[in-house]
Amino acid sequence: MMTRHLRMSAFVMAGVLAMGISAIAADSNLGTWKMNPAKSKFDPGPAPKSQTLKIEAWGADGVKYTADGMDGDGKPSHWEMQAKYDGKFVPFKGNPDADMLAYKRIDANTVEATTQLNGKVMGKSRIVVSADGKTRTLTQTGKNAKGQDVHNTVVYEKQ
């Protein structure tokens, strides 16, 4: 027979585990997202013709991100990275304007990202998932690899 102390410890541990699992499940960024070109704005252009994001849970507090589509010139594009929401830079493969990225969770529906290219910070993005979980909006400012100012708003819809 378990003692009262052991039963209480087991109950507390079960609660902590359940909270951890629900925190992972509650990541509103997870899923497949398709860019809506009509609602998105790219300055400078040209805008990508298409992009689909696949965002999966990775580790205890992170995501595995894969983006496939067609760039503004109609060429295939493929970006990928794995990051935790800890603000630490990780490799960002395939993006011509960034080779490193850091994610930081602000709240349940908001993430901030910072990109670097060759060790220099290039841009900041704020990613917000709507309250109903159907829309993901990325607002980006900074510079691209050509040194041009970037002011993008990219709207994705949950698939």
C-alpha atoms as a PDB file:
ATOM      1  CA  MET A   1       0.000   0.000   0.000  1.00  0.00           C
ATOM      2  CA  MET A   2       1.380   3.418  -0.941  1.00  0.00           C
ATOM      3  CA  THR A   3       1.843   5.916   1.797  1.00  0.00           C
ATOM      4  CA  ARG A   4       0.010   9.203   1.644  1.00  0.00           C
ATOM      5  CA  HIS A   5       3.278  11.012   0.735  1.00  0.00           C
ATOM      6  CA  LEU A   6       3.945   8.672  -2.195  1.00  0.00           C
ATOM      7  CA  ARG A   7       0.363   9.045  -3.480  1.00  0.00           C
ATOM      8  CA  MET A   8       0.667  12.850  -3.315  1.00  0.00           C
ATOM      9  CA  SER A   9       4.045  12.755  -5.117  1.00  0.00           C
ATOM     10  CA  ALA A  10       2.590  10.535  -7.845  1.00  0.00           C
ATOM     11  CA  PHE A  11      -0.369  12.903  -8.232  1.00  0.00           C
ATOM     12  CA  VAL A  12       1.913  15.961  -8.518  1.00  0.00           C
ATOM     13  CA  MET A  13       4.184  14.220 -11.060  1.00  0.00           C
ATOM     14  CA  ALA A  14       1.166  13.198 -13.156  1.00  0.00           C
ATOM     15  CA  GLY A  15      -0.007  16.826 -13.168  1.00  0.00           C
ATOM     16  CA  VAL A  16       3.410  18.143 -14.210  1.00  0.00           C
ATOM     17  CA  LEU A  17       3.601  15.576 -17.019  1.00  0.00           C
ATOM     18  CA  ALA A  18       0.104  16.466 -18.233  1.00  0.00           C
ATOM     19  CA  MET A  19       0.959  20.183 -18.265  1.00  0.00           C
ATOM     20  CA  GLY A  20       4.122  19.484 -20.288  1.00  0.00           C
ATOM     21  CA  ILE A  21       2.226  17.391 -22.835  1.00  0.00           C
ATOM     22  CA  SER A  22      -0.527  19.994 -23.174  1.00  0.00           C
ATOM     23  CA  ALA A  23       2.084  22.756 -23.666  1.00  0.00           C
ATOM     24  CA  ILE A  24       3.530  20.831 -26.616  1.00  0.00           C
ATOM     25  CA  ALA A  25       0.088  20.094 -28.041  1.00  0.00           C
ATOM     26  CA  ALA A  26      -0.925  23.752 -27.620  1.00  0.00           C
ATOM     27  CA  ASP A  27       1.725  25.052 -30.057  1.00  0.00           C
ATOM     28  CA  SER A  28      -0.500  26.886 -32.519  1.00  0.00           C
ATOM     29  CA  ASN A  29       2.310  27.042 -35.110  1.00  0.00           C
ATOM     30  CA  LEU A  30       2.221  23.299 -35.702  1.00  0.00           C
ATOM     31  CA  GLY A  31       0.627  21.974 -38.869  1.00  0.00           C
ATOM     32  CA  THR A  32       0.688  22.599 -42.585  1.00  0.00           C
ATOM     33  CA  TRP A  33       0.311  26.200 -43.780  1.00  0.00           C
ATOM     34  CA  LYS A  34      -0.125  27.479 -47.327  1.00  0.00           C
ATOM     35  CA  MET A  35       0.845  31.039 -48.275  1.00  0.00           C
ATOM     36  CA  ASN A  36      -1.997  33.184 -49.600  1.00  0.00           C
ATOM     37  CA  PRO A  37      -0.269  35.353 -52.256  1.00  0.00           C
ATOM     38  CA  ALA A  38      -3.291  37.660 -52.624  1.00  0.00           C
ATOM     39  CA  LYS A  39      -3.171  38.641 -48.942  1.00  0.00           C
ATOM     40  CA  SER A  40       0.644  38.819 -48.716  1.00  0.00           C
ATOM     41  CA  LYS A  41       2.874  41.796 -49.517  1.00  0.00           C
ATOM     42  CA  PHE A  42       6.571  41.679 -50.389  1.00  0.00           C
ATOM     43  CA  ASP A  43       8.800  44.762 -50.529  1.00  0.00           C
ATOM     44  CA  PRO A  44      11.053  44.365 -52.396  1.00  0.00           C
ATOM     45  CA  GLY A  45       9.652  41.805 -54.809  1.00  0.00           C
ATOM     46  CA  PRO A  46       9.293  39.669 -56.609  1.00  0.00           C
ATOM     47  CA  ALA A  47       6.954  37.753 -54.329  1.00  0.00           C
ATOM     48  CA  PRO A  48       7.204  33.978 -54.160  1.00  0.00           C
ATOM     49  CA  LYS A  49       4.645  32.301 -56.401  1.00  0.00           C
ATOM     50  CA  SER A  50       3.850  29.699 -53.728  1.00  0.00           C
ATOM     51  CA  GLN A  51       5.036  28.369 -50.387  1.00  0.00           C
ATOM     52  CA  THR A  52       3.815  25.592 -48.114  1.00  0.00           C
ATOM     53  CA  LEU A  53       5.152  25.268 -44.574  1.00  0.00           C
ATOM     54  CA  LYS A  54       5.166  22.055 -42.616  1.00  0.00           C
ATOM     55  CA  ILE A  55       5.830  22.701 -38.937  1.00  0.00           C
ATOM     56  CA  GLU A  56       6.164  19.737 -36.592  1.00  0.00           C
ATOM     57  CA  ALA A  57       6.939  19.383 -32.897  1.00  0.00           C
ATOM     58  CA  TRP A  58      10.641  18.758 -32.263  1.00  0.00           C
ATOM     59  CA  GLY A  59      11.991  17.918 -28.851  1.00  0.00           C
ATOM     60  CA  ALA A  60      10.428  19.254 -25.670  1.00  0.00           C
ATOM     61  CA  ASP A  61      10.082  22.869 -26.798  1.00  0.00           C
ATOM     62  CA  GLY A  62      10.883  23.259 -30.444  1.00  0.00           C
ATOM     63  CA  VAL A  63       9.829  22.854 -34.030  1.00  0.00           C
ATOM     64  CA  LYS A  64      11.040  21.229 -37.201  1.00  0.00           C
ATOM     65  CA  TYR A  65      10.240  23.587 -40.077  1.00  0.00           C
ATOM     66  CA  THR A  66      10.200  22.732 -43.786  1.00  0.00           C
ATOM     67  CA  ALA A  67       9.108  25.170 -46.506  1.00  0.00           C
ATOM     68  CA  ASP A  68       8.659  24.212 -50.153  1.00  0.00           C
ATOM     69  CA  GLY A  69       7.435  26.337 -53.015  1.00  0.00           C
ATOM     70  CA  MET A  70       8.317  28.450 -56.036  1.00  0.00           C
ATOM     71  CA  ASP A  71      10.307  31.647 -55.728  1.00  0.00           C
ATOM     72  CA  GLY A  72       9.507  34.869 -57.588  1.00  0.00           C
ATOM     73  CA  ASP A  73      11.376  33.637 -60.660  1.00  0.00           C
ATOM     74  CA  GLY A  74       9.433  30.365 -60.751  1.00  0.00           C
ATOM     75  CA  LYS A  75      12.320  28.263 -59.430  1.00  0.00           C
ATOM     76  CA  PRO A  76      11.716  25.620 -56.744  1.00  0.00           C
ATOM     77  CA  SER A  77      12.616  26.665 -53.203  1.00  0.00           C
ATOM     78  CA  HIS A  78      13.253  24.534 -50.130  1.00  0.00           C
ATOM     79  CA  TRP A  79      14.053  25.870 -46.662  1.00  0.00           C
ATOM     80  CA  GLU A  80      14.479  23.908 -43.439  1.00  0.00           C
ATOM     81  CA  MET A  81      15.525  24.262 -39.826  1.00  0.00           C
ATOM     82  CA  GLN A  82      15.026  22.834 -36.350  1.00  0.00           C
ATOM     83  CA  ALA A  83      14.792  25.300 -33.493  1.00  0.00           C
ATOM     84  CA  LYS A  84      13.783  25.566 -29.880  1.00  0.00           C
ATOM     85  CA  TYR A  85      11.954  28.639 -28.583  1.00  0.00           C
ATOM     86  CA  ASP A  86      15.044  29.649 -26.609  1.00  0.00           C
ATOM     87  CA  GLY A  87      16.381  32.561 -28.674  1.00  0.00           C
ATOM     88  CA  LYS A  88      19.540  30.654 -29.697  1.00  0.00           C
ATOM     89  CA  PHE A  89      20.691  30.677 -33.310  1.00  0.00           C
ATOM     90  CA  VAL A  90      20.474  27.451 -35.318  1.00  0.00           C
ATOM     91  CA  PRO A  91      21.298  26.693 -38.973  1.00  0.00           C
ATOM     92  CA  PHE A  92      18.637  27.802 -41.480  1.00  0.00           C
ATOM     93  CA  LYS A  93      19.150  25.918 -44.741  1.00  0.00           C
ATOM     94  CA  GLY A  94      17.989  27.097 -48.160  1.00  0.00           C
ATOM     95  CA  ASN A  95      17.113  30.725 -47.391  1.00  0.00           C
ATOM     96  CA  PRO A  96      19.228  33.009 -49.611  1.00  0.00           C
ATOM     97  CA  ASP A  97      18.878  35.878 -47.110  1.00  0.00           C
ATOM     98  CA  ALA A  98      19.745  33.996 -43.903  1.00  0.00           C
ATOM     99  CA  ASP A  99      21.908  31.088 -42.787  1.00  0.00           C
ATOM    100  CA  MET A 100      20.949  31.197 -39.084  1.00  0.00           C
ATOM    101  CA  LEU A 101      17.656  31.733 -37.244  1.00  0.00           C
ATOM    102  CA  ALA A 102      16.593  32.136 -33.595  1.00  0.00           C
ATOM    103  CA  TYR A 103      13.035  31.635 -32.306  1.00  0.00           C
ATOM    104  CA  LYS A 104      11.570  33.067 -29.107  1.00  0.00           C
ATOM    105  CA  ARG A 105       8.036  32.393 -27.873  1.00  0.00           C
ATOM    106  CA  ILE A 106       6.188  35.520 -26.734  1.00  0.00           C
ATOM    107  CA  ASP A 107       2.844  33.904 -25.888  1.00  0.00           C
ATOM    108  CA  ALA A 108       0.695  30.954 -27.000  1.00  0.00           C
ATOM    109  CA  ASN A 109       0.108  32.456 -30.472  1.00  0.00           C
ATOM    110  CA  THR A 110       3.142  34.695 -30.991  1.00  0.00           C
ATOM    111  CA  VAL A 111       6.751  33.923 -31.887  1.00  0.00           C
ATOM    112  CA  GLU A 112       9.598  36.306 -32.683  1.00  0.00           C
ATOM    113  CA  ALA A 113      12.371  35.269 -35.055  1.00  0.00           C
ATOM    114  CA  THR A 114      15.743  36.843 -35.763  1.00  0.00           C
ATOM    115  CA  THR A 115      17.785  35.928 -38.831  1.00  0.00           C
ATOM    116  CA  GLN A 116      21.509  36.209 -39.484  1.00  0.00           C
ATOM    117  CA  LEU A 117      23.630  35.934 -42.605  1.00  0.00           C
ATOM    118  CA  ASN A 118      27.369  35.347 -42.183  1.00  0.00           C
ATOM    119  CA  GLY A 119      27.146  36.363 -38.507  1.00  0.00           C
ATOM    120  CA  LYS A 120      25.290  39.650 -39.141  1.00  0.00           C
ATOM    121  CA  VAL A 121      21.691  40.161 -37.998  1.00  0.00           C
ATOM    122  CA  MET A 122      19.600  40.677 -41.138  1.00  0.00           C
ATOM    123  CA  GLY A 123      16.029  40.798 -39.939  1.00  0.00           C
ATOM    124  CA  LYS A 124      13.346  40.412 -37.320  1.00  0.00           C
ATOM    125  CA  SER A 125       9.994  38.735 -37.770  1.00  0.00           C
ATOM    126  CA  ARG A 126       6.878  38.543 -35.658  1.00  0.00           C
ATOM    127  CA  ILE A 127       4.706  35.501 -36.301  1.00  0.00           C
ATOM    128  CA  VAL A 128       1.134  35.553 -35.011  1.00  0.00           C
ATOM    129  CA  VAL A 129      -1.395  32.740 -35.274  1.00  0.00           C
ATOM    130  CA  SER A 130      -4.975  33.993 -35.152  1.00  0.00           C
ATOM    131  CA  ALA A 131      -7.162  33.126 -32.149  1.00  0.00           C
ATOM    132  CA  ASP A 132      -9.151  30.657 -34.263  1.00  0.00           C
ATOM    133  CA  GLY A 133      -5.919  28.957 -35.406  1.00  0.00           C
ATOM    134  CA  LYS A 134      -6.712  29.327 -39.118  1.00  0.00           C
ATOM    135  CA  THR A 135      -4.309  32.129 -40.118  1.00  0.00           C
ATOM    136  CA  ARG A 136      -0.568  32.602 -39.522  1.00  0.00           C
ATOM    137  CA  THR A 137       0.804  36.079 -40.286  1.00  0.00           C
ATOM    138  CA  LEU A 138       4.529  36.775 -40.511  1.00  0.00           C
ATOM    139  CA  THR A 139       5.603  40.440 -40.423  1.00  0.00           C
ATOM    140  CA  GLN A 140       9.259  40.869 -41.394  1.00  0.00           C
ATOM    141  CA  THR A 141      11.618  43.854 -41.422  1.00  0.00           C
ATOM    142  CA  GLY A 142      15.333  44.103 -42.060  1.00  0.00           C
ATOM    143  CA  LYS A 143      17.683  43.685 -45.016  1.00  0.00           C
ATOM    144  CA  ASN A 144      18.030  40.986 -47.661  1.00  0.00           C
ATOM    145  CA  ALA A 145      21.335  39.547 -48.936  1.00  0.00           C
ATOM    146  CA  LYS A 146      21.508  42.373 -51.539  1.00  0.00           C
ATOM    147  CA  GLY A 147      21.330  45.005 -48.769  1.00  0.00           C
ATOM    148  CA  GLN A 148      17.809  46.145 -49.721  1.00  0.00           C
ATOM    149  CA  ASP A 149      15.304  47.105 -47.027  1.00  0.00           C
ATOM    150  CA  VAL A 150      12.717  44.378 -46.457  1.00  0.00           C
ATOM    151  CA  HIS A 151       9.110  44.996 -45.361  1.00  0.00           C
ATOM    152  CA  ASN A 152       7.109  41.792 -45.854  1.00  0.00           C
ATOM    153  CA  THR A 153       3.757  40.613 -44.575  1.00  0.00           C
ATOM    154  CA  VAL A 154       3.172  36.963 -45.379  1.00  0.00           C
ATOM    155  CA  VAL A 155      -0.232  35.426 -44.704  1.00  0.00           C
ATOM    156  CA  TYR A 156      -0.602  31.656 -44.418  1.00  0.00           C
ATOM    157  CA  GLU A 157      -3.769  29.608 -44.110  1.00  0.00           C
ATOM    158  CA  LYS A 158      -4.010  26.344 -42.166  1.00  0.00           C
ATOM    159  CA  GLN A 159      -4.434  23.289 -44.386  1.00  0.00           C
END
